[in-house]
Amino acid sequence: MGYIQNVESVFEIIAEPNRRAILSLLVSSQQSVGEIERQLRMPQPTVSKHLRVLREAGFVESTVDAQRRLYRLKPGPFQEVDDWLAQFRRFWSAHVDALERHLDRMDMNIDEHQSTPKKKKTRRRRRGPNRERGKGETK
């Protein structure tokens, strides 16, 4: 039960769009609060609030560099999400494989259909009693 609750809290934390934006920035490199503010155009108190939540949840860690604090990602919570999603990956993998086989069969059927020359069917137009001379014309 603890594992599921932990995963649920992880999803609650990353559900917030500003936090996801911060996490996306930190994927490429560590960032200071000021750099995050500028790139996301968020006020400093908002950035600091979200970084605190992310730090307390174990998503990020910080180090002090002179007079600034640098934040970087920690893999732990992401690994928990990835572990939980693995069961669904197996599910989708089997379905995607089945879809691929089905599409391959369809392609083979289309190729066979196109490679065998067939007699072109012509459609005869049915002429009604008034169509021979034009509508409404009389003899």
N, C-alpha and C. Protein backbone atom coordinates (compact mmCIF):
# COMPACT_ATOMS: atom_id res chain seq x y z
N MET A 1 0.82 -1.20 0.00
CA MET A 1 0.00 0.00 0.00
C MET A 1 0.86 1.26 0.00
N GLY A 2 2.00 1.24 0.70
CA GLY A 2 2.88 2.39 0.76
C GLY A 2 3.42 2.77 -0.61
N TYR A 3 3.74 1.76 -1.42
CA TYR A 3 4.28 2.01 -2.77
C TYR A 3 3.26 2.77 -3.61
N ILE A 4 2.00 2.30 -3.59
CA ILE A 4 0.95 2.95 -4.38
C ILE A 4 0.73 4.38 -3.89
N GLN A 5 0.69 4.59 -2.59
CA GLN A 5 0.50 5.93 -2.06
C GLN A 5 1.65 6.84 -2.49
N ASN A 6 2.86 6.29 -2.49
CA ASN A 6 4.02 7.07 -2.89
C ASN A 6 3.91 7.46 -4.36
N VAL A 7 3.50 6.51 -5.21
CA VAL A 7 3.34 6.81 -6.63
C VAL A 7 2.24 7.85 -6.83
N GLU A 8 1.15 7.73 -6.07
CA GLU A 8 0.07 8.72 -6.18
C GLU A 8 0.58 10.11 -5.81
N SER A 9 1.37 10.21 -4.75
CA SER A 9 1.88 11.53 -4.36
C SER A 9 2.86 12.06 -5.41
N VAL A 10 3.60 11.17 -6.05
CA VAL A 10 4.49 11.58 -7.13
C VAL A 10 3.68 12.20 -8.26
N PHE A 11 2.57 11.54 -8.62
CA PHE A 11 1.73 12.08 -9.69
C PHE A 11 1.07 13.39 -9.28
N GLU A 12 0.70 13.53 -8.02
CA GLU A 12 0.13 14.80 -7.55
C GLU A 12 1.14 15.92 -7.72
N ILE A 13 2.38 15.63 -7.41
CA ILE A 13 3.42 16.66 -7.49
C ILE A 13 3.68 17.06 -8.93
N ILE A 14 3.78 16.09 -9.83
CA ILE A 14 4.08 16.44 -11.22
C ILE A 14 2.84 16.86 -12.01
N ALA A 15 1.68 16.82 -11.38
CA ALA A 15 0.45 17.27 -12.06
C ALA A 15 0.43 18.78 -12.23
N GLU A 16 1.18 19.49 -11.42
CA GLU A 16 1.18 20.95 -11.45
C GLU A 16 2.03 21.43 -12.63
N PRO A 17 1.46 22.20 -13.56
CA PRO A 17 2.18 22.60 -14.78
C PRO A 17 3.49 23.36 -14.54
N ASN A 18 3.54 24.24 -13.55
CA ASN A 18 4.78 24.98 -13.28
C ASN A 18 5.89 24.04 -12.82
N ARG A 19 5.53 23.05 -12.03
CA ARG A 19 6.55 22.09 -11.58
C ARG A 19 7.07 21.27 -12.75
N ARG A 20 6.15 20.87 -13.63
CA ARG A 20 6.60 20.11 -14.82
C ARG A 20 7.53 20.97 -15.68
N ALA A 21 7.22 22.25 -15.80
CA ALA A 21 8.08 23.14 -16.58
C ALA A 21 9.47 23.24 -15.95
N ILE A 22 9.52 23.34 -14.64
CA ILE A 22 10.81 23.39 -13.94
C ILE A 22 11.57 22.09 -14.15
N LEU A 23 10.89 20.97 -14.00
CA LEU A 23 11.54 19.67 -14.20
C LEU A 23 12.08 19.55 -15.63
N SER A 24 11.32 20.04 -16.59
CA SER A 24 11.77 19.98 -17.99
C SER A 24 13.03 20.80 -18.20
N LEU A 25 13.13 21.94 -17.54
CA LEU A 25 14.34 22.75 -17.64
C LEU A 25 15.54 22.03 -17.04
N LEU A 26 15.31 21.35 -15.94
CA LEU A 26 16.41 20.70 -15.23
C LEU A 26 16.88 19.41 -15.90
N VAL A 27 16.15 18.93 -16.89
CA VAL A 27 16.57 17.72 -17.60
C VAL A 27 17.91 17.96 -18.29
N SER A 28 18.08 19.13 -18.89
CA SER A 28 19.29 19.39 -19.67
C SER A 28 20.49 19.78 -18.81
N SER A 29 20.25 20.52 -17.73
CA SER A 29 21.38 20.92 -16.87
C SER A 29 20.85 21.50 -15.57
N GLN A 30 21.76 21.63 -14.61
CA GLN A 30 21.36 22.26 -13.36
C GLN A 30 21.14 23.75 -13.61
N GLN A 31 20.25 24.33 -12.82
CA GLN A 31 19.86 25.72 -13.01
C GLN A 31 19.76 26.42 -11.66
N SER A 32 20.02 27.71 -11.67
CA SER A 32 19.80 28.50 -10.46
C SER A 32 18.36 28.99 -10.46
N VAL A 33 17.93 29.48 -9.31
CA VAL A 33 16.57 30.02 -9.20
C VAL A 33 16.39 31.16 -10.20
N GLY A 34 17.39 32.02 -10.30
CA GLY A 34 17.31 33.16 -11.23
C GLY A 34 17.19 32.71 -12.68
N GLU A 35 17.93 31.68 -13.05
CA GLU A 35 17.85 31.17 -14.43
C GLU A 35 16.46 30.59 -14.71
N ILE A 36 15.91 29.89 -13.74
CA ILE A 36 14.57 29.32 -13.90
C ILE A 36 13.54 30.44 -14.02
N GLU A 37 13.68 31.47 -13.18
CA GLU A 37 12.78 32.64 -13.25
C GLU A 37 12.77 33.23 -14.65
N ARG A 38 13.96 33.50 -15.17
CA ARG A 38 14.07 34.15 -16.48
C ARG A 38 13.51 33.27 -17.60
N GLN A 39 13.86 32.00 -17.58
CA GLN A 39 13.44 31.13 -18.68
C GLN A 39 11.93 30.86 -18.67
N LEU A 40 11.36 30.74 -17.49
CA LEU A 40 9.93 30.45 -17.39
C LEU A 40 9.08 31.70 -17.16
N ARG A 41 9.74 32.84 -16.97
CA ARG A 41 9.04 34.10 -16.72
C ARG A 41 8.07 33.98 -15.55
N MET A 42 8.60 33.43 -14.48
CA MET A 42 7.84 33.26 -13.24
C MET A 42 8.46 34.13 -12.16
N PRO A 43 7.66 34.68 -11.27
CA PRO A 43 8.24 35.44 -10.16
C PRO A 43 9.06 34.53 -9.24
N GLN A 44 10.07 35.12 -8.62
CA GLN A 44 10.97 34.36 -7.75
C GLN A 44 10.25 33.61 -6.63
N PRO A 45 9.25 34.21 -5.95
CA PRO A 45 8.58 33.45 -4.89
C PRO A 45 7.87 32.19 -5.42
N THR A 46 7.32 32.28 -6.62
CA THR A 46 6.64 31.12 -7.21
C THR A 46 7.64 30.02 -7.52
N VAL A 47 8.77 30.39 -8.13
CA VAL A 47 9.81 29.41 -8.44
C VAL A 47 10.30 28.76 -7.15
N SER A 48 10.58 29.56 -6.15
CA SER A 48 11.09 29.02 -4.88
C SER A 48 10.09 28.08 -4.22
N LYS A 49 8.80 28.44 -4.27
CA LYS A 49 7.77 27.58 -3.68
C LYS A 49 7.75 26.21 -4.37
N HIS A 50 7.78 26.20 -5.70
CA HIS A 50 7.73 24.94 -6.43
C HIS A 50 9.01 24.13 -6.25
N LEU A 51 10.14 24.81 -6.19
CA LEU A 51 11.40 24.10 -5.95
C LEU A 51 11.41 23.46 -4.57
N ARG A 52 10.83 24.13 -3.58
CA ARG A 52 10.76 23.56 -2.24
C ARG A 52 9.93 22.27 -2.26
N VAL A 53 8.77 22.30 -2.93
CA VAL A 53 7.92 21.11 -3.03
C VAL A 53 8.68 19.99 -3.73
N LEU A 54 9.35 20.32 -4.83
CA LEU A 54 10.10 19.31 -5.58
C LEU A 54 11.26 18.75 -4.77
N ARG A 55 11.92 19.61 -4.00
CA ARG A 55 13.04 19.17 -3.16
C ARG A 55 12.55 18.26 -2.03
N GLU A 56 11.46 18.65 -1.37
CA GLU A 56 10.93 17.83 -0.28
C GLU A 56 10.41 16.48 -0.76
N ALA A 57 9.96 16.42 -2.01
CA ALA A 57 9.47 15.16 -2.58
C ALA A 57 10.60 14.32 -3.16
N GLY A 58 11.81 14.87 -3.19
CA GLY A 58 12.95 14.11 -3.68
C GLY A 58 13.18 14.19 -5.18
N PHE A 59 12.51 15.10 -5.86
CA PHE A 59 12.70 15.25 -7.31
C PHE A 59 13.97 16.01 -7.66
N VAL A 60 14.32 16.97 -6.80
CA VAL A 60 15.51 17.79 -7.07
C VAL A 60 16.36 17.87 -5.81
N GLU A 61 17.60 18.22 -6.03
CA GLU A 61 18.51 18.52 -4.92
C GLU A 61 19.24 19.80 -5.29
N SER A 62 19.81 20.44 -4.29
CA SER A 62 20.49 21.70 -4.57
C SER A 62 21.89 21.70 -3.96
N THR A 63 22.73 22.49 -4.59
CA THR A 63 24.07 22.74 -4.06
C THR A 63 24.28 24.25 -4.08
N VAL A 64 25.15 24.71 -3.20
CA VAL A 64 25.43 26.14 -3.14
C VAL A 64 26.70 26.41 -3.93
N ASP A 65 26.61 27.38 -4.84
CA ASP A 65 27.75 27.79 -5.65
C ASP A 65 27.90 29.29 -5.45
N ALA A 66 28.88 29.68 -4.65
CA ALA A 66 29.09 31.08 -4.27
C ALA A 66 27.82 31.60 -3.60
N GLN A 67 27.13 32.54 -4.24
CA GLN A 67 25.93 33.10 -3.62
C GLN A 67 24.64 32.61 -4.27
N ARG A 68 24.72 31.58 -5.04
CA ARG A 68 23.49 31.08 -5.66
C ARG A 68 23.34 29.59 -5.40
N ARG A 69 22.11 29.18 -5.42
CA ARG A 69 21.77 27.77 -5.19
C ARG A 69 21.43 27.15 -6.54
N LEU A 70 22.10 26.05 -6.88
CA LEU A 70 21.87 25.35 -8.14
C LEU A 70 21.02 24.11 -7.89
N TYR A 71 20.02 23.93 -8.72
CA TYR A 71 19.12 22.78 -8.59
C TYR A 71 19.36 21.81 -9.74
N ARG A 72 19.29 20.52 -9.41
CA ARG A 72 19.40 19.47 -10.43
C ARG A 72 18.44 18.34 -10.07
N LEU A 73 18.12 17.53 -11.07
CA LEU A 73 17.19 16.42 -10.88
C LEU A 73 17.82 15.29 -10.08
N LYS A 74 16.96 14.58 -9.35
CA LYS A 74 17.34 13.33 -8.69
C LYS A 74 16.50 12.23 -9.34
N PRO A 75 17.09 11.09 -9.66
CA PRO A 75 16.38 10.05 -10.42
C PRO A 75 15.33 9.26 -9.64
N GLY A 76 15.38 9.23 -8.33
CA GLY A 76 14.51 8.36 -7.52
C GLY A 76 13.03 8.36 -7.88
N PRO A 77 12.34 9.48 -7.74
CA PRO A 77 10.91 9.49 -8.03
C PRO A 77 10.58 9.16 -9.49
N PHE A 78 11.46 9.56 -10.39
CA PHE A 78 11.23 9.25 -11.81
C PHE A 78 11.33 7.75 -12.05
N GLN A 79 12.24 7.11 -11.33
CA GLN A 79 12.37 5.65 -11.45
C GLN A 79 11.12 4.96 -10.93
N GLU A 80 10.54 5.48 -9.85
CA GLU A 80 9.30 4.91 -9.32
C GLU A 80 8.17 5.01 -10.34
N VAL A 81 8.05 6.17 -10.99
CA VAL A 81 7.02 6.35 -12.02
C VAL A 81 7.29 5.40 -13.18
N ASP A 82 8.54 5.30 -13.59
CA ASP A 82 8.89 4.42 -14.69
C ASP A 82 8.59 2.96 -14.35
N ASP A 83 8.90 2.55 -13.12
CA ASP A 83 8.60 1.18 -12.69
C ASP A 83 7.10 0.91 -12.74
N TRP A 84 6.32 1.87 -12.29
CA TRP A 84 4.86 1.70 -12.29
C TRP A 84 4.32 1.64 -13.71
N LEU A 85 4.87 2.47 -14.61
CA LEU A 85 4.41 2.51 -16.00
C LEU A 85 4.84 1.27 -16.80
N ALA A 86 5.84 0.54 -16.32
CA ALA A 86 6.36 -0.62 -17.06
C ALA A 86 5.26 -1.63 -17.35
N GLN A 87 4.36 -1.85 -16.41
CA GLN A 87 3.28 -2.81 -16.63
C GLN A 87 2.40 -2.40 -17.81
N PHE A 88 2.22 -1.12 -18.01
CA PHE A 88 1.40 -0.64 -19.12
C PHE A 88 2.17 -0.67 -20.43
N ARG A 89 3.48 -0.49 -20.34
CA ARG A 89 4.31 -0.59 -21.54
C ARG A 89 4.21 -1.99 -22.13
N ARG A 90 4.24 -3.01 -21.27
CA ARG A 90 4.10 -4.39 -21.75
C ARG A 90 2.74 -4.58 -22.40
N PHE A 91 1.71 -4.03 -21.80
CA PHE A 91 0.36 -4.12 -22.35
C PHE A 91 0.31 -3.48 -23.74
N TRP A 92 0.79 -2.25 -23.85
CA TRP A 92 0.75 -1.56 -25.13
C TRP A 92 1.67 -2.19 -26.15
N SER A 93 2.79 -2.71 -25.69
CA SER A 93 3.72 -3.36 -26.61
C SER A 93 3.04 -4.52 -27.32
N ALA A 94 2.31 -5.35 -26.57
CA ALA A 94 1.61 -6.49 -27.17
C ALA A 94 0.56 -6.01 -28.16
N HIS A 95 -0.15 -4.94 -27.82
CA HIS A 95 -1.19 -4.43 -28.72
C HIS A 95 -0.59 -3.77 -29.96
N VAL A 96 0.51 -3.08 -29.79
CA VAL A 96 1.17 -2.45 -30.94
C VAL A 96 1.71 -3.53 -31.87
N ASP A 97 2.27 -4.61 -31.31
CA ASP A 97 2.76 -5.72 -32.14
C ASP A 97 1.62 -6.34 -32.93
N ALA A 98 0.47 -6.54 -32.29
CA ALA A 98 -0.69 -7.11 -32.99
C ALA A 98 -1.17 -6.18 -34.09
N LEU A 99 -1.18 -4.89 -33.83
CA LEU A 99 -1.58 -3.92 -34.84
C LEU A 99 -0.61 -3.95 -36.02
N GLU A 100 0.67 -4.05 -35.72
CA GLU A 100 1.67 -4.10 -36.79
C GLU A 100 1.47 -5.34 -37.67
N ARG A 101 1.21 -6.48 -37.06
CA ARG A 101 0.95 -7.70 -37.84
C ARG A 101 -0.29 -7.53 -38.71
N HIS A 102 -1.33 -6.94 -38.15
CA HIS A 102 -2.56 -6.71 -38.90
C HIS A 102 -2.31 -5.79 -40.10
N LEU A 103 -1.57 -4.72 -39.89
CA LEU A 103 -1.28 -3.79 -40.98
C LEU A 103 -0.41 -4.45 -42.05
N ASP A 104 0.53 -5.30 -41.63
CA ASP A 104 1.34 -6.04 -42.60
C ASP A 104 0.47 -6.93 -43.47
N ARG A 105 -0.49 -7.62 -42.84
CA ARG A 105 -1.41 -8.47 -43.61
C ARG A 105 -2.23 -7.64 -44.59
N MET A 106 -2.67 -6.48 -44.15
CA MET A 106 -3.45 -5.61 -45.03
C MET A 106 -2.60 -5.16 -46.22
N ASP A 107 -1.34 -4.80 -45.94
CA ASP A 107 -0.44 -4.40 -47.03
C ASP A 107 -0.24 -5.52 -48.03
N MET A 108 -0.08 -6.75 -47.53
CA MET A 108 0.10 -7.89 -48.43
C MET A 108 -1.15 -8.09 -49.28
N ASN A 109 -2.32 -7.96 -48.69
CA ASN A 109 -3.57 -8.10 -49.44
C ASN A 109 -3.70 -7.02 -50.50
N ILE A 110 -3.32 -5.81 -50.17
CA ILE A 110 -3.39 -4.71 -51.14
C ILE A 110 -2.42 -4.98 -52.28
N ASP A 111 -1.18 -5.42 -51.94
CA ASP A 111 -0.19 -5.71 -52.97
C ASP A 111 -0.68 -6.81 -53.91
N GLU A 112 -1.26 -7.86 -53.35
CA GLU A 112 -1.78 -8.95 -54.17
C GLU A 112 -2.91 -8.45 -55.06
N HIS A 113 -3.76 -7.63 -54.50
CA HIS A 113 -4.90 -7.10 -55.25
C HIS A 113 -4.43 -6.23 -56.41
N GLN A 114 -3.41 -5.42 -56.19
CA GLN A 114 -2.92 -4.52 -57.22
C GLN A 114 -2.08 -5.24 -58.27
N SER A 115 -1.44 -6.35 -57.93
CA SER A 115 -0.55 -7.02 -58.87
C SER A 115 -1.30 -7.93 -59.84
N THR A 116 -2.51 -8.33 -59.55
CA THR A 116 -3.28 -9.17 -60.47
C THR A 116 -4.15 -8.27 -61.33
N PRO A 117 -3.87 -8.29 -62.66
CA PRO A 117 -4.67 -7.43 -63.53
C PRO A 117 -6.10 -7.93 -63.59
N LYS A 118 -7.00 -7.02 -63.49
CA LYS A 118 -8.42 -7.37 -63.54
C LYS A 118 -9.06 -6.60 -64.68
N LYS A 119 -10.05 -7.22 -65.22
CA LYS A 119 -10.80 -6.61 -66.30
C LYS A 119 -11.56 -5.41 -65.73
N LYS A 120 -11.40 -4.30 -66.41
CA LYS A 120 -12.08 -3.09 -65.94
C LYS A 120 -13.56 -3.21 -66.24
N LYS A 121 -14.33 -2.99 -65.25
CA LYS A 121 -15.78 -3.05 -65.42
C LYS A 121 -16.27 -1.71 -65.93
N THR A 122 -17.09 -1.78 -66.93
CA THR A 122 -17.71 -0.55 -67.41
C THR A 122 -19.15 -0.55 -66.97
N ARG A 123 -19.60 0.58 -66.67
CA ARG A 123 -20.95 0.70 -66.16
C ARG A 123 -21.82 1.30 -67.25
N ARG A 124 -22.88 0.63 -67.55
CA ARG A 124 -23.80 1.15 -68.57
C ARG A 124 -24.75 2.14 -67.92
N ARG A 125 -24.97 3.18 -68.63
CA ARG A 125 -25.94 4.16 -68.13
C ARG A 125 -27.31 3.72 -68.56
N ARG A 126 -28.17 3.76 -67.65
CA ARG A 126 -29.55 3.40 -67.93
C ARG A 126 -30.26 4.63 -68.47
N ARG A 127 -30.90 4.46 -69.56
CA ARG A 127 -31.63 5.58 -70.15
C ARG A 127 -33.10 5.41 -69.91
N GLY A 128 -33.67 6.38 -69.36
CA GLY A 128 -35.11 6.36 -69.13
C GLY A 128 -35.85 6.75 -70.40
N PRO A 129 -37.15 6.73 -70.39
CA PRO A 129 -37.93 7.03 -71.59
C PRO A 129 -37.69 8.44 -72.11
N ASN A 130 -37.41 9.40 -71.25
CA ASN A 130 -37.24 10.78 -71.70
C ASN A 130 -35.78 11.14 -71.95
N ARG A 131 -34.86 10.26 -71.66
CA ARG A 131 -33.45 10.60 -71.78
C ARG A 131 -32.93 10.47 -73.20
N GLU A 132 -33.57 9.70 -74.03
CA GLU A 132 -33.07 9.52 -75.38
C GLU A 132 -33.16 10.81 -76.18
N ARG A 133 -34.18 11.52 -76.03
CA ARG A 133 -34.38 12.73 -76.85
C ARG A 133 -34.14 14.00 -76.03
N GLY A 134 -33.95 13.84 -74.77
CA GLY A 134 -33.85 15.01 -73.91
C GLY A 134 -35.12 15.11 -73.11
N LYS A 135 -35.03 15.60 -71.95
CA LYS A 135 -36.17 15.62 -71.05
C LYS A 135 -37.28 16.51 -71.58
N GLY A 136 -38.46 15.96 -71.60
CA GLY A 136 -39.62 16.75 -71.96
C GLY A 136 -39.84 16.89 -73.46
N GLU A 137 -38.92 16.39 -74.30
CA GLU A 137 -39.12 16.50 -75.75
C GLU A 137 -40.12 15.47 -76.22
N THR A 138 -40.82 15.78 -77.23
CA THR A 138 -41.76 14.84 -77.84
C THR A 138 -41.39 14.64 -79.28
N LYS A 139 -41.92 13.58 -79.87
CA LYS A 139 -41.63 13.28 -81.28
C LYS A 139 -42.19 14.27 -82.22
